[in-house]
């Protein structure tokens, strides 16, 4: 079951993040939260999906300084899109496109406010 695997991965990653936070671990942690949101959304649990996507967004925005690290742009755009906040995702997507970045496709989500 995807939810159980995601929870198991979270159990492994959480202590790493707590003991040795770094930019790659932050992004991996956020990507896992995005995945957990996707799984919850696919399992018709919009509240859990929204909570996971918000947690990913908040983690990616935390401690960013004056300029968001490039590594955070794609998952942050995905979090905004999953939450239905396309206006905040658009400039991130533009920055990624301008850099030549091509990401992997993700599930399409209707804005959670309409669920």
Protein backbone atom coordinates (compact mmCIF):
# COMPACT_ATOMS: atom_id res chain seq x y z
CA UNK A 1 0.00 0.00 0.00
CA UNK A 2 1.46 3.34 -1.07
CA UNK A 3 0.41 5.17 2.08
CA UNK A 4 2.18 2.64 4.30
CA UNK A 5 5.37 2.84 2.23
CA UNK A 6 5.30 6.64 2.35
CA UNK A 7 4.84 6.54 6.13
CA UNK A 8 7.74 4.10 6.45
CA UNK A 9 9.93 6.39 4.35
CA UNK A 10 8.90 9.33 6.52
CA UNK A 11 9.87 7.36 9.64
CA UNK A 12 13.35 6.84 8.18
CA UNK A 13 13.77 10.40 6.94
CA UNK A 14 12.46 12.33 9.96
CA UNK A 15 15.41 11.50 12.25
CA UNK A 16 17.88 12.39 9.49
CA UNK A 17 16.21 15.77 9.04
CA UNK A 18 16.16 16.32 12.81
CA UNK A 19 19.81 15.43 13.36
CA UNK A 20 21.44 16.75 10.19
CA UNK A 21 19.22 19.19 8.32
CA UNK A 22 20.53 20.15 4.91
CA UNK A 23 19.08 21.51 1.71
CA UNK A 24 18.94 18.12 -0.09
CA UNK A 25 17.31 16.47 2.95
CA UNK A 26 14.81 19.36 3.20
CA UNK A 27 13.81 18.91 -0.43
CA UNK A 28 13.61 15.12 -0.11
CA UNK A 29 11.44 15.52 2.99
CA UNK A 30 9.16 17.96 1.14
CA UNK A 31 8.94 15.67 -1.89
CA UNK A 32 7.89 12.84 0.40
CA UNK A 33 5.18 15.07 1.89
CA UNK A 34 4.00 15.90 -1.64
CA UNK A 35 3.82 12.18 -2.38
CA UNK A 36 1.88 11.57 0.83
CA UNK A 37 -0.55 14.27 -0.26
CA UNK A 38 -0.92 12.67 -3.67
CA UNK A 39 -1.63 9.29 -2.07
CA UNK A 40 -4.17 10.81 0.30
CA UNK A 41 -5.82 12.61 -2.61
CA UNK A 42 -5.98 9.41 -4.62
CA UNK A 43 -7.55 7.71 -1.58
CA UNK A 44 -10.29 10.37 -1.41
CA UNK A 45 -8.93 12.02 1.75
CA UNK A 46 -8.75 15.70 0.78
CA UNK A 47 -8.06 16.89 4.33
CA UNK A 48 -4.99 14.68 4.68
CA UNK A 49 -3.88 15.60 1.16
CA UNK A 50 -4.17 19.31 1.86
CA UNK A 51 -2.32 18.95 5.18
CA UNK A 52 0.57 17.10 3.53
CA UNK A 53 0.82 19.61 0.66
CA UNK A 54 0.73 22.51 3.12
CA UNK A 55 3.46 20.87 5.20
CA UNK A 56 5.61 20.51 2.08
CA UNK A 57 4.98 24.13 1.11
CA UNK A 58 5.80 25.39 4.59
CA UNK A 59 9.00 23.34 4.79
CA UNK A 60 10.16 24.67 1.43
CA UNK A 61 9.44 28.29 2.38
CA UNK A 62 11.09 28.06 5.80
CA UNK A 63 14.54 29.57 6.26
CA UNK A 64 14.79 30.46 2.58
CA UNK A 65 16.55 33.78 3.08
CA UNK A 66 16.21 36.59 0.55
CA UNK A 67 16.38 34.25 -2.44
CA UNK A 68 14.77 30.82 -2.59
CA UNK A 69 17.36 28.10 -3.31
CA UNK A 70 16.95 26.70 -6.83
CA UNK A 71 16.58 23.16 -5.49
CA UNK A 72 13.31 24.19 -3.83
CA UNK A 73 11.63 25.74 -6.88
CA UNK A 74 10.15 22.62 -8.50
CA UNK A 75 8.69 21.02 -5.36
CA UNK A 76 7.40 24.39 -4.16
CA UNK A 77 5.67 24.95 -7.51
CA UNK A 78 4.18 21.47 -7.18
CA UNK A 79 2.94 22.21 -3.67
CA UNK A 80 1.31 25.47 -4.78
CA UNK A 81 -0.30 23.70 -7.74
CA UNK A 82 -1.61 20.85 -5.58
CA UNK A 83 -3.11 23.44 -3.24
CA UNK A 84 -4.73 25.22 -6.17
CA UNK A 85 -2.55 28.32 -5.83
CA UNK A 86 -1.57 28.68 -9.48
CA UNK A 87 -0.76 32.38 -9.07
CA UNK A 88 2.11 31.52 -6.71
CA UNK A 89 3.23 28.56 -8.82
CA UNK A 90 3.41 30.53 -12.08
CA UNK A 91 6.52 32.66 -11.33
CA UNK A 92 8.33 29.58 -10.04
CA UNK A 93 7.46 27.70 -13.23
CA UNK A 94 8.65 30.67 -15.29
CA UNK A 95 11.97 30.72 -13.44
CA UNK A 96 12.38 26.97 -13.94
CA UNK A 97 11.51 27.23 -17.64
CA UNK A 98 13.92 30.13 -18.12
CA UNK A 99 16.70 27.97 -16.66
CA UNK A 100 15.91 25.09 -19.03
CA UNK A 101 14.68 22.86 -16.21
CA UNK A 102 12.41 19.99 -17.21
CA UNK A 103 10.73 18.18 -14.33
CA UNK A 104 9.01 14.85 -14.13
CA UNK A 105 5.22 14.81 -14.60
CA UNK A 106 3.06 14.58 -11.47
CA UNK A 107 -0.59 13.68 -10.96
CA UNK A 108 -2.98 16.46 -11.82
CA UNK A 109 -5.04 17.73 -8.92
CA UNK A 110 -8.11 19.90 -8.94
CA UNK A 111 -7.72 22.70 -6.39
CA UNK A 112 -8.51 21.29 -2.96
CA UNK A 113 -10.96 24.10 -2.29
CA UNK A 114 -13.30 22.54 -4.87
CA UNK A 115 -13.07 19.02 -3.46
